[in-house]
Each structure stands twice: as C-alpha cells, then as structure tokens.
N, C-alpha and C. Protein backbone atom coordinates (compact mmCIF):
# COMPACT_ATOMS: atom_id res chain seq x y z
N UNK A 1 113.28 105.93 88.90
CA UNK A 1 112.59 104.90 88.10
C UNK A 1 111.05 105.84 87.91
N UNK A 2 110.91 105.96 86.32
CA UNK A 2 109.87 106.52 85.91
C UNK A 2 108.97 105.74 85.59
N UNK A 3 109.06 104.33 85.51
CA UNK A 3 108.15 103.36 85.00
C UNK A 3 108.04 102.44 86.21
N UNK A 4 106.99 102.55 86.85
CA UNK A 4 107.23 101.79 88.47
C UNK A 4 106.82 100.74 87.89
N UNK A 5 107.61 99.31 88.80
CA UNK A 5 106.82 98.14 88.56
C UNK A 5 105.82 97.62 89.41
N UNK A 6 105.50 98.51 90.20
CA UNK A 6 104.17 98.10 91.28
C UNK A 6 102.96 98.63 90.42
N UNK A 7 102.45 97.69 90.65
CA UNK A 7 100.42 97.63 90.36
C UNK A 7 99.59 97.80 91.23
N UNK A 8 98.93 99.17 91.97
CA UNK A 8 98.00 99.00 92.79
C UNK A 8 97.11 97.69 92.39
N UNK A 9 96.91 96.66 93.71
CA UNK A 9 95.94 95.59 93.94
C UNK A 9 95.64 95.29 94.91
N UNK A 10 94.44 94.89 95.34
CA UNK A 10 94.03 94.10 96.67
C UNK A 10 94.54 92.81 96.85
N UNK A 11 94.84 91.81 98.10
CA UNK A 11 95.07 90.92 98.00
C UNK A 11 93.82 89.90 98.07
N UNK A 12 93.77 89.05 97.49
CA UNK A 12 93.05 88.41 97.18
C UNK A 12 92.38 87.60 98.24
N UNK A 13 91.50 87.12 98.24
CA UNK A 13 90.62 86.59 99.44
C UNK A 13 91.25 85.61 99.97
N UNK A 14 92.04 84.82 99.31
CA UNK A 14 92.35 83.47 99.77
C UNK A 14 94.06 83.46 99.73
N UNK A 15 94.43 85.18 100.07
CA UNK A 15 96.00 85.45 99.97
C UNK A 15 96.56 84.88 101.44
N UNK A 16 97.77 84.21 101.09
CA UNK A 16 98.86 83.46 102.13
C UNK A 16 99.66 84.08 102.31
N UNK A 17 100.51 84.61 103.34
CA UNK A 17 101.69 85.32 103.35
C UNK A 17 102.67 84.25 103.39
N UNK A 18 103.66 84.31 102.35
CA UNK A 18 104.62 83.33 102.13
C UNK A 18 106.20 83.56 102.49
N UNK A 19 106.27 84.99 102.77
CA UNK A 19 107.51 85.59 103.13
C UNK A 19 107.71 86.60 102.76
N UNK A 20 109.04 87.39 103.33
CA UNK A 20 109.38 88.73 103.20
C UNK A 20 110.70 88.96 102.25
N UNK A 21 111.04 89.96 102.01
CA UNK A 21 112.04 90.11 101.47
C UNK A 21 112.86 90.60 102.71
N UNK A 22 114.03 90.13 102.73
CA UNK A 22 115.11 90.73 103.59
C UNK A 22 115.88 91.81 103.51
N UNK A 23 116.38 91.95 102.02
CA UNK A 23 117.40 92.60 101.65
C UNK A 23 117.47 93.01 100.14
N UNK A 24 118.51 94.03 99.69
CA UNK A 24 118.96 94.23 98.53
C UNK A 24 120.13 92.87 98.37
N UNK A 25 120.29 92.25 96.89
CA UNK A 25 121.09 91.34 96.74
C UNK A 25 122.07 91.62 95.75
N UNK A 26 123.13 92.19 95.46
CA UNK A 26 123.67 92.77 94.56
C UNK A 26 123.09 94.07 94.08
N UNK A 27 123.85 94.25 92.79
CA UNK A 27 123.20 95.72 92.44
C UNK A 27 122.56 95.95 91.31
N UNK A 28 121.82 95.07 90.77
CA UNK A 28 121.10 95.05 89.87
C UNK A 28 119.68 94.73 89.86
N UNK A 29 119.36 95.20 91.22
CA UNK A 29 117.61 95.23 91.51
C UNK A 29 117.42 93.55 92.46
N UNK A 30 118.19 92.64 92.43
CA UNK A 30 117.82 91.39 93.28
C UNK A 30 117.36 92.12 94.72
N UNK A 31 116.79 90.80 94.81
CA UNK A 31 116.16 90.75 96.38
C UNK A 31 116.26 89.52 97.20
N UNK A 32 117.05 89.64 98.38
CA UNK A 32 116.87 88.19 99.23
C UNK A 32 115.65 87.91 99.88
N UNK A 33 114.85 86.64 99.65
CA UNK A 33 113.78 86.21 100.21
C UNK A 33 113.82 85.38 101.48
N UNK A 34 113.47 85.81 102.65
CA UNK A 34 113.07 84.67 103.83
C UNK A 34 111.98 83.82 103.42
N UNK A 35 111.70 83.08 103.25
CA UNK A 35 110.37 82.06 103.21
C UNK A 35 109.85 82.06 104.33
N UNK A 36 108.38 81.67 104.55
CA UNK A 36 108.20 81.20 105.94
C UNK A 36 108.17 79.60 106.11
N UNK A 37 108.16 79.24 105.00
CA UNK A 37 108.06 77.76 105.20
C UNK A 37 109.65 76.93 104.25
N UNK A 38 109.62 75.64 104.31
CA UNK A 38 110.65 74.82 103.73
C UNK A 38 110.28 74.62 102.44
N UNK A 39 108.91 74.85 102.22
CA UNK A 39 108.45 74.14 100.91
C UNK A 39 107.88 75.83 100.61
N UNK A 40 108.92 75.83 99.16
CA UNK A 40 108.91 76.91 98.68
C UNK A 40 108.48 77.28 97.10
N UNK A 41 107.85 75.68 96.75
CA UNK A 41 107.57 75.47 95.49
C UNK A 41 106.63 76.41 95.02
N UNK A 42 105.79 77.25 95.69
CA UNK A 42 104.48 78.17 95.64
C UNK A 42 105.15 79.26 95.02
N UNK A 43 106.17 79.66 95.89
CA UNK A 43 107.15 81.22 95.38
C UNK A 43 107.83 80.92 94.03
N UNK A 44 108.47 79.81 93.95
CA UNK A 44 108.84 79.61 92.45
C UNK A 44 108.51 79.08 91.14
N UNK A 45 106.65 79.02 91.48
CA UNK A 45 105.84 78.50 90.21
C UNK A 45 105.18 80.08 89.90
N UNK A 46 105.14 80.97 90.77
CA UNK A 46 104.22 82.09 90.40
C UNK A 46 105.18 82.77 89.73
N UNK A 47 104.35 83.81 88.74
CA UNK A 47 105.06 84.71 87.91
C UNK A 47 104.47 86.17 88.27
N UNK A 48 103.62 86.17 89.36
CA UNK A 48 103.16 87.35 89.87
C UNK A 48 103.01 87.14 91.59
N UNK A 49 103.58 88.08 92.12
CA UNK A 49 103.47 88.23 93.61
C UNK A 49 102.57 89.51 94.00
N UNK A 50 101.93 89.02 95.51
CA UNK A 50 101.21 90.45 95.54
C UNK A 50 102.19 90.78 96.89
N UNK A 51 102.50 92.18 96.86
CA UNK A 51 103.23 92.48 98.18
C UNK A 51 102.38 93.70 99.11
N UNK A 52 102.60 93.73 100.47
CA UNK A 52 102.07 94.38 101.49
C UNK A 52 103.40 95.55 102.13
N UNK A 53 103.22 96.46 102.70
CA UNK A 53 104.13 97.32 103.01
C UNK A 53 104.78 96.53 104.30
N UNK A 54 105.90 96.70 104.85
CA UNK A 54 106.48 95.67 106.41
C UNK A 54 105.22 96.25 107.23
N UNK A 55 105.07 95.30 108.09
CA UNK A 55 104.30 95.46 109.66
C UNK A 55 104.64 97.06 110.04
N UNK A 56 103.83 97.65 110.68
CA UNK A 56 104.01 98.85 111.17
C UNK A 56 105.54 98.95 112.05
N UNK A 57 105.85 97.90 112.68
CA UNK A 57 106.61 98.26 113.55
C UNK A 57 107.93 97.98 112.88
N UNK A 58 107.98 97.49 111.64
CA UNK A 58 109.37 97.38 110.69
C UNK A 58 109.05 98.09 109.53
N UNK A 59 108.17 99.42 109.52
CA UNK A 59 107.95 100.26 108.41
C UNK A 59 108.47 101.70 108.70
N UNK A 60 108.99 102.04 109.55
CA UNK A 60 109.67 103.13 109.78
C UNK A 60 110.63 104.00 107.93
N UNK A 61 109.99 104.95 107.94
CA UNK A 61 110.74 105.17 106.71
C UNK A 61 110.77 104.63 105.28
N UNK A 62 109.55 103.47 105.32
CA UNK A 62 109.25 102.93 104.06
C UNK A 62 108.38 103.84 103.15
N UNK A 63 108.54 103.45 102.04
CA UNK A 63 108.00 104.98 101.05
C UNK A 63 107.82 104.00 99.56
N UNK A 64 108.21 102.79 99.60
CA UNK A 64 108.48 102.06 97.87
C UNK A 64 106.84 102.15 97.57
N UNK A 65 106.25 102.18 97.92
CA UNK A 65 104.87 102.02 97.92
C UNK A 65 103.58 101.97 99.13
N UNK A 66 102.23 102.51 98.50
CA UNK A 66 101.11 102.68 99.70
C UNK A 66 100.19 101.36 99.21
N UNK A 67 99.83 100.96 100.52
CA UNK A 67 98.82 99.66 100.10
C UNK A 67 99.22 98.54 99.32
N UNK A 68 98.57 97.81 98.70
CA UNK A 68 98.55 96.63 98.27
C UNK A 68 99.52 97.07 96.84
N UNK A 69 100.32 95.80 96.13
CA UNK A 69 100.40 95.96 95.01
C UNK A 69 100.77 94.32 94.43
N UNK A 70 100.66 94.37 93.14
CA UNK A 70 101.08 93.41 92.46
C UNK A 70 102.46 93.99 91.66
N UNK A 71 103.61 92.69 91.66
CA UNK A 71 104.35 92.86 90.73
C UNK A 71 104.64 91.61 89.79
N UNK A 72 105.33 91.37 88.74
CA UNK A 72 105.66 90.51 88.22
C UNK A 72 107.31 90.00 88.58
N UNK A 73 107.28 88.74 88.47
CA UNK A 73 108.96 88.07 89.15
C UNK A 73 109.21 87.85 87.78
N UNK A 74 110.68 88.78 87.44
CA UNK A 74 111.28 88.32 86.13
C UNK A 74 112.34 87.07 86.47
N UNK A 75 112.96 87.01 87.84
CA UNK A 75 113.34 85.77 87.73
C UNK A 75 113.84 85.61 89.15
N UNK A 76 113.83 84.08 89.66
CA UNK A 76 113.99 83.77 91.16
C UNK A 76 114.95 82.40 91.11
N UNK A 77 115.70 82.29 92.01
CA UNK A 77 116.56 81.07 91.88
C UNK A 77 116.83 81.05 93.36
N UNK A 78 117.29 79.65 93.66
CA UNK A 78 117.97 79.42 94.96
C UNK A 78 119.49 79.97 95.15
N UNK A 79 119.84 80.15 96.21
CA UNK A 79 121.18 80.89 96.26
C UNK A 79 121.70 80.38 97.82
N UNK A 80 122.98 79.77 97.75
CA UNK A 80 123.46 78.96 98.74
C UNK A 80 122.36 78.69 99.73
N UNK A 81 121.93 79.57 100.83
CA UNK A 81 121.19 79.04 101.93
C UNK A 81 119.89 79.86 102.06
N UNK A 82 119.66 80.55 100.57
CA UNK A 82 118.31 81.17 100.85
C UNK A 82 117.67 81.09 99.19
N UNK A 83 116.80 82.03 99.11
CA UNK A 83 116.20 82.58 97.74
C UNK A 83 116.52 84.10 97.42
N UNK A 84 116.71 84.03 95.82
CA UNK A 84 116.96 85.57 95.62
C UNK A 84 115.98 86.01 94.31
N UNK A 85 115.54 86.88 94.10
CA UNK A 85 114.64 86.93 92.86
C UNK A 85 114.78 88.27 92.37
N UNK A 86 114.52 88.84 91.18
CA UNK A 86 114.46 89.96 90.62
C UNK A 86 112.77 90.14 90.03
N UNK A 87 112.24 91.52 90.45
CA UNK A 87 110.85 92.16 90.31
C UNK A 87 111.08 92.39 88.67
N UNK A 88 110.32 92.46 88.05
CA UNK A 88 110.33 93.09 86.72
C UNK A 88 110.50 94.46 86.51
N UNK A 89 110.84 95.18 86.36
CA UNK A 89 111.42 96.98 86.30
C UNK A 89 111.64 97.36 87.39
N UNK A 90 112.46 96.50 88.20
CA UNK A 90 113.67 96.98 89.31
C UNK A 90 114.70 96.46 89.28
N UNK A 91 115.09 97.43 88.74
CA UNK A 91 116.75 97.26 88.06
C UNK A 91 118.28 97.93 88.82
N UNK A 92 117.89 98.20 89.93
CA UNK A 92 119.23 98.90 90.63
C UNK A 92 118.84 98.49 92.15
N UNK A 93 120.15 98.71 92.83
CA UNK A 93 120.02 98.33 94.28
C UNK A 93 119.22 99.27 94.83
N UNK A 94 119.29 100.29 94.78
CA UNK A 94 118.41 101.49 95.77
C UNK A 94 117.02 100.81 95.56
N UNK A 95 116.55 100.55 94.28
CA UNK A 95 115.11 100.28 94.58
C UNK A 95 114.67 99.09 95.21
N UNK A 96 115.59 98.20 95.61
CA UNK A 96 115.50 96.77 95.94
C UNK A 96 115.82 97.04 97.60
N UNK A 97 116.95 97.56 97.84
CA UNK A 97 117.38 98.25 99.59
C UNK A 97 115.88 98.81 99.52
N UNK A 98 114.64 99.44 98.70
CA UNK A 98 113.75 100.36 99.58
C UNK A 98 112.33 99.36 99.88
N UNK A 99 112.47 98.08 99.50
CA UNK A 99 111.62 97.08 99.57
C UNK A 99 111.95 96.26 100.90
N UNK A 100 112.71 96.41 101.67
CA UNK A 100 113.11 95.73 102.86
C UNK A 100 112.12 95.36 103.84
N UNK A 101 111.66 94.31 104.36
CA UNK A 101 110.50 93.88 105.33
C UNK A 101 109.31 93.83 104.52
N UNK A 102 109.22 94.31 103.03
CA UNK A 102 107.71 94.05 102.56
C UNK A 102 107.45 92.62 102.52
N UNK A 103 106.17 92.17 102.65
CA UNK A 103 105.77 90.84 103.08
C UNK A 103 105.17 90.52 101.50
N UNK A 104 105.37 88.78 101.08
CA UNK A 104 105.15 88.29 100.30
C UNK A 104 103.97 87.82 100.10
N UNK A 105 103.15 87.82 99.29
CA UNK A 105 101.61 86.90 99.25
C UNK A 105 101.15 86.33 98.26
N UNK A 106 100.73 85.13 98.31
CA UNK A 106 99.86 84.29 97.03
C UNK A 106 98.63 83.77 97.36
N UNK A 107 97.57 83.90 96.31
CA UNK A 107 96.76 83.32 96.62
C UNK A 107 96.81 81.72 96.89
N UNK A 108 95.79 81.22 97.87
CA UNK A 108 96.17 79.74 97.86
C UNK A 108 95.96 79.07 96.63
N UNK A 109 94.88 79.39 96.28
CA UNK A 109 94.71 78.47 94.67
C UNK A 109 95.82 78.51 93.60
N UNK A 110 96.59 79.42 93.82
CA UNK A 110 97.57 79.38 92.78
C UNK A 110 99.06 78.46 93.09
N UNK A 111 98.97 77.91 94.76
CA UNK A 111 99.72 77.02 94.85
C UNK A 111 99.88 75.59 93.79
N UNK A 112 101.13 75.19 93.63
CA UNK A 112 101.15 73.79 93.15
C UNK A 112 100.23 72.56 93.95
N UNK A 113 99.94 71.59 92.65
CA UNK A 113 99.00 70.39 93.49
C UNK A 113 100.12 69.78 94.24
N UNK A 114 99.55 69.06 95.27
CA UNK A 114 100.54 68.32 96.01
C UNK A 114 100.00 66.60 95.94
N UNK A 115 101.38 65.81 95.97
CA UNK A 115 101.00 64.45 95.77
C UNK A 115 100.27 63.74 96.54
N UNK A 116 99.37 62.96 96.30
CA UNK A 116 98.56 62.08 97.05
C UNK A 116 99.46 62.25 98.60
N UNK A 117 98.71 62.51 99.69
CA UNK A 117 99.22 62.02 101.30
C UNK A 117 100.48 63.35 101.60
N UNK A 118 100.82 63.98 100.99
CA UNK A 118 101.35 65.66 101.32
C UNK A 118 100.52 66.67 101.23
N UNK A 119 100.76 67.69 101.89
CA UNK A 119 99.70 68.63 102.41
C UNK A 119 100.25 70.31 102.85
N UNK A 120 99.85 71.09 102.54
CA UNK A 120 100.68 72.53 102.58
C UNK A 120 100.15 72.64 104.20
N UNK A 121 100.86 73.06 105.03
CA UNK A 121 100.97 73.10 106.29
C UNK A 121 99.67 74.24 106.33
N UNK A 122 99.58 75.22 105.98
CA UNK A 122 98.39 76.35 106.01
C UNK A 122 97.30 75.39 105.67
N UNK A 123 97.16 74.51 104.87
CA UNK A 123 95.58 73.76 105.10
C UNK A 123 95.47 72.87 106.42
N UNK A 124 96.29 72.39 106.78
CA UNK A 124 96.23 71.95 108.43
C UNK A 124 95.85 72.73 109.45
N UNK A 125 96.16 73.76 109.54
CA UNK A 125 96.06 74.72 110.68
C UNK A 125 94.53 75.03 110.57
N UNK A 126 94.16 74.74 111.98
CA UNK A 126 92.56 75.10 112.06
C UNK A 126 91.79 73.83 111.90
N UNK A 127 92.42 72.66 111.58
CA UNK A 127 91.77 71.29 111.15
C UNK A 127 91.58 70.84 112.96
N UNK A 128 90.44 69.96 113.07
CA UNK A 128 89.98 69.04 114.37
C UNK A 128 90.89 68.17 113.86
N UNK A 129 91.58 67.61 115.63
CA UNK A 129 91.70 66.55 115.47
C UNK A 129 91.29 65.12 116.64
N UNK A 130 90.64 64.24 115.64
CA UNK A 130 89.92 63.38 116.66
C UNK A 130 90.92 62.01 116.86
N UNK A 131 90.11 61.06 117.78
CA UNK A 131 91.30 59.85 117.65
C UNK A 131 90.38 58.80 117.09
N UNK A 132 90.64 57.77 117.14
CA UNK A 132 89.86 56.45 116.44
C UNK A 132 88.55 56.73 116.99
N UNK A 133 88.48 56.55 118.14
CA UNK A 133 87.14 56.52 118.97
C UNK A 133 86.44 57.83 118.88
N UNK A 134 86.97 58.71 117.91
CA UNK A 134 86.18 60.06 118.05
C UNK A 134 86.12 61.38 118.99
N UNK A 135 87.17 60.69 120.10
CA UNK A 135 87.37 61.83 120.87
C UNK A 135 87.94 62.82 120.29
N UNK A 136 87.97 63.86 120.64
CA UNK A 136 88.16 65.62 120.36
C UNK A 136 89.78 65.53 120.98
N UNK A 137 90.59 65.62 120.29
CA UNK A 137 92.33 66.01 120.83
C UNK A 137 92.59 67.29 120.80
N UNK A 138 91.75 68.25 119.77
CA UNK A 138 92.14 69.67 120.20
C UNK A 138 91.98 69.77 118.29
N UNK A 139 92.18 71.20 118.22
CA UNK A 139 92.28 72.14 116.88
C UNK A 139 94.03 72.33 116.35
N UNK A 140 94.28 71.88 115.18
CA UNK A 140 95.68 72.38 115.23
C UNK A 140 95.82 73.74 115.25
N UNK A 141 96.83 74.48 115.86
CA UNK A 141 97.35 75.59 115.78
C UNK A 141 98.56 75.88 115.01
N UNK A 142 99.61 74.85 114.81
CA UNK A 142 100.94 75.02 114.49
C UNK A 142 101.27 73.96 114.12
N UNK A 143 102.21 73.72 113.17
CA UNK A 143 103.07 72.57 112.75
C UNK A 143 104.58 73.24 113.35
N UNK A 144 105.51 72.03 113.97
CA UNK A 144 106.46 72.28 114.22
C UNK A 144 107.33 71.47 113.30
N UNK A 145 108.61 72.03 112.93
CA UNK A 145 109.58 70.90 112.33
C UNK A 145 110.49 70.42 113.09
N UNK A 146 110.72 69.40 112.91
CA UNK A 146 111.85 68.53 114.07
C UNK A 146 112.73 67.37 113.43
N UNK A 147 113.48 67.99 112.11
CA UNK A 147 114.00 67.36 111.18
C UNK A 147 113.26 66.52 110.35
N UNK A 148 113.43 65.05 110.51
CA UNK A 148 112.67 64.37 109.56
C UNK A 148 111.31 64.25 109.36
N UNK A 149 110.91 64.65 110.47
CA UNK A 149 109.23 64.76 110.11
C UNK A 149 108.78 65.94 110.94
N UNK A 150 107.25 66.40 110.87
CA UNK A 150 106.79 67.40 111.30
C UNK A 150 105.66 66.92 112.79
N UNK A 151 105.42 67.92 113.73
CA UNK A 151 104.52 67.31 114.59
C UNK A 151 103.35 68.45 114.48
N UNK A 152 102.18 67.98 114.69
CA UNK A 152 101.09 68.63 114.97
C UNK A 152 100.97 69.45 116.31
N UNK A 153 100.95 70.71 116.77
CA UNK A 153 100.74 71.45 117.75
C UNK A 153 99.28 71.87 117.94
N UNK A 154 98.67 71.18 118.59
CA UNK A 154 97.21 71.52 118.79
C UNK A 154 96.67 71.72 120.31
N UNK A 155 95.59 72.68 120.18
CA UNK A 155 95.15 73.71 121.24
C UNK A 155 93.78 73.03 121.61
N UNK A 156 93.53 72.72 123.00
CA UNK A 156 92.21 72.42 123.41
C UNK A 156 92.12 72.69 124.75
N UNK A 157 90.88 72.71 125.41
CA UNK A 157 90.30 73.19 126.49
C UNK A 157 90.31 71.92 127.42
N UNK A 158 90.97 71.91 128.63
CA UNK A 158 90.71 71.37 129.84
C UNK A 158 90.35 71.67 131.08
N UNK A 159 89.82 70.95 132.01
CA UNK A 159 89.22 71.29 133.19
C UNK A 159 90.27 71.55 134.04
N UNK A 160 90.65 71.95 135.00
CA UNK A 160 91.61 71.78 136.05
C UNK A 160 90.91 72.71 137.12
N UNK A 161 90.81 71.61 138.62
CA UNK A 161 90.47 72.45 139.58
C UNK A 161 89.18 73.43 139.24
N UNK A 162 87.78 72.46 138.67
CA UNK A 162 86.64 73.24 138.30
C UNK A 162 86.97 74.36 137.08
N UNK A 163 88.12 74.69 136.74
CA UNK A 163 88.36 75.84 136.01
C UNK A 163 88.67 75.70 134.31
N UNK A 164 87.91 75.72 133.48
CA UNK A 164 88.53 75.50 131.92
C UNK A 164 89.61 76.45 131.71
N UNK A 165 90.83 75.78 130.87
CA UNK A 165 91.90 76.62 130.48
C UNK A 165 92.55 76.02 129.17
N UNK A 166 92.98 76.32 128.74
CA UNK A 166 93.85 76.37 127.63
C UNK A 166 94.93 75.16 127.83
N UNK A 167 95.27 74.54 126.75
CA UNK A 167 96.23 73.27 126.95
C UNK A 167 96.69 72.69 125.84
N UNK A 168 98.18 72.31 125.72
CA UNK A 168 98.40 72.43 124.25
C UNK A 168 99.28 70.54 124.06
N UNK A 169 98.85 70.10 123.07
CA UNK A 169 98.85 68.55 122.87
C UNK A 169 99.83 68.40 121.65
N UNK A 170 100.57 67.80 121.42
CA UNK A 170 101.68 67.49 119.91
C UNK A 170 100.98 66.38 119.56
N UNK A 171 101.24 65.84 118.32
CA UNK A 171 101.44 64.42 117.73
C UNK A 171 101.91 64.46 116.48
N UNK A 172 103.19 63.52 116.52
CA UNK A 172 103.86 63.32 115.65
C UNK A 172 103.08 63.20 113.98
N UNK A 173 103.46 63.95 113.01
CA UNK A 173 102.60 64.18 111.78
C UNK A 173 103.48 62.63 110.57
N UNK A 174 102.91 61.33 111.44
CA UNK A 174 103.50 60.57 110.59
C UNK A 174 102.49 59.46 110.28
N UNK A 175 102.86 58.60 109.42
CA UNK A 175 101.53 57.74 109.00
C UNK A 175 101.48 56.69 110.23
N UNK A 176 102.52 56.45 111.13
CA UNK A 176 102.02 55.49 112.22
C UNK A 176 101.07 56.28 112.95
N UNK A 177 100.98 57.46 113.17
CA UNK A 177 99.97 57.77 114.13
C UNK A 177 98.73 58.70 113.58
N UNK A 178 98.81 58.97 112.06
CA UNK A 178 98.11 59.81 111.31
C UNK A 178 96.82 58.76 110.68
N UNK A 179 95.99 58.68 110.87
CA UNK A 179 95.07 57.67 109.81
C UNK A 179 94.57 58.23 108.67
N UNK A 180 94.15 59.77 108.66
CA UNK A 180 93.24 60.20 107.78
C UNK A 180 93.64 61.60 108.13
N UNK A 181 93.34 62.32 106.72
CA UNK A 181 93.46 63.69 106.81
C UNK A 181 92.37 64.21 105.61
N UNK A 182 91.09 64.33 106.33
CA UNK A 182 90.12 65.05 105.36
C UNK A 182 89.84 66.49 105.39
N UNK A 183 90.61 66.78 104.03
CA UNK A 183 90.51 68.46 104.09
C UNK A 183 88.88 69.30 103.98
N UNK A 184 88.23 68.37 103.31
CA UNK A 184 86.83 68.56 103.27
C UNK A 184 85.99 69.12 104.56
N UNK A 185 86.36 67.91 105.28
CA UNK A 185 85.33 67.91 106.53
C UNK A 185 86.17 68.44 107.45
N UNK A 186 87.58 68.94 107.38
CA UNK A 186 88.09 69.46 108.00
C UNK A 186 88.85 69.15 109.43
N UNK A 187 89.10 67.67 109.03
CA UNK A 187 89.05 66.71 110.41
C UNK A 187 90.34 65.94 110.28
N UNK A 188 91.28 65.71 110.79
CA UNK A 188 92.31 64.60 110.87
C UNK A 188 92.23 63.36 111.93
N UNK A 189 92.24 62.27 111.85
CA UNK A 189 91.94 61.46 112.48
C UNK A 189 93.27 60.47 112.93
N UNK A 190 93.57 60.45 114.13
CA UNK A 190 94.65 60.09 115.02
C UNK A 190 94.54 58.77 115.56
N UNK A 191 95.52 57.90 115.73
CA UNK A 191 95.68 56.95 116.58
C UNK A 191 96.47 57.36 117.56
N UNK A 192 95.67 57.66 118.81
CA UNK A 192 96.42 58.60 119.85
C UNK A 192 95.48 58.86 120.62
N UNK A 193 96.04 58.67 122.07
CA UNK A 193 95.10 58.26 123.50
C UNK A 193 95.02 59.84 123.86
N UNK A 194 94.01 59.88 125.01
CA UNK A 194 94.13 61.12 125.69
C UNK A 194 95.25 61.04 127.01
N UNK A 195 95.77 59.82 127.23
CA UNK A 195 96.83 59.59 128.29
C UNK A 195 98.41 59.88 127.67
N UNK A 196 98.64 59.78 126.31
CA UNK A 196 99.53 60.14 125.87
C UNK A 196 100.59 61.39 126.16
C-alpha cells in the first residue's frame, strides 16, 4: 500500500478503549471487531477511530504501524454475532490481517448522548456509592451483566480481626435499589443496607 491509511496521532486525554480487531473478514480489507461492551453505538457513530498496537503479549510480529494512529472508518455494520468494519485506504485481506489485536479507542467526548436515566458503564466506574443514611458502601470497580440488568461491583475496606482488608459488595443496578446517580458529584445513592 503506497498510500497509508494510518495518520500518526496521540490518544486524546479522554480516550476510552472500546474494542479490538479480532481478525480479517473477507478479502476486501474488512476486519472483525470484538467490542468491550454490549452498547456499540459510539463505534457505529464515529467516523474516526484511534488505534494502538496490540498489548505487548499479543504484539509479536506486529508491524502495521508504530505508536498511535488515527483512521477513518469507511463502513461499519453488524454481522451475525458481531461487528465488521472497513478502514478507509485498507483494501485487501493482507492489510486487514496485519491489524489483528489492534486496540480501538474513542474520546469519551465523542460518545452519543444517553437518554435520561441511562449511563455508559465507563462513567459509573470509580463513583462512590452511599446508602440513604449516607453510609459509604464502596467504590464502583466494575459492572457485571446478568441478563436483564447489570450489577454494580463495588470495592470497600473492612476490618477483620483488627486488620483492614479489601472486600467486595454487589448491588443490582435497577431503579428498585438505585435512588440517584450524580455524575458531577461522582456519587450513587442506593437503598441498600450494610447487612444485605
């Protein structure tokens, strides 16, 4: 390829890793994407992605580009159980195969707005959770999908036999237990007791 589809670029300060390129798809430069979240709207609505080489443990033999790059998304579509995309200027299978393991980033500021009462998982990570009495329940470390709803996975410190240790608490992320999510204050208020 004489005209490289890769423009050298640093990651934006608010960059979030949204997925990885799994493998080539077809013979015309398409790639199969493994998204990190069930909500793929940001990937579909962005015309540009920021790419980083695979993590060191997966980067053996990787030579498609060095450092970070920005690419234009020519086409993207849902296909059977996943997502496939074509990067502008990448027109053959060999070029697509060379991108295996590449990490895909977008700036958080480029994500589509969410409807009232809906949140991106990335916005909930790190929020402090308190109950209605103001008692600290933990800090959101992860969200776990459980079918119809998600569960907040929180980390907190407890004292056992006079020693502090890290512990985990889970709360279903549903209106029955979550009273308020205040992103500006970085706090979630829940109807949840310490003994649940």
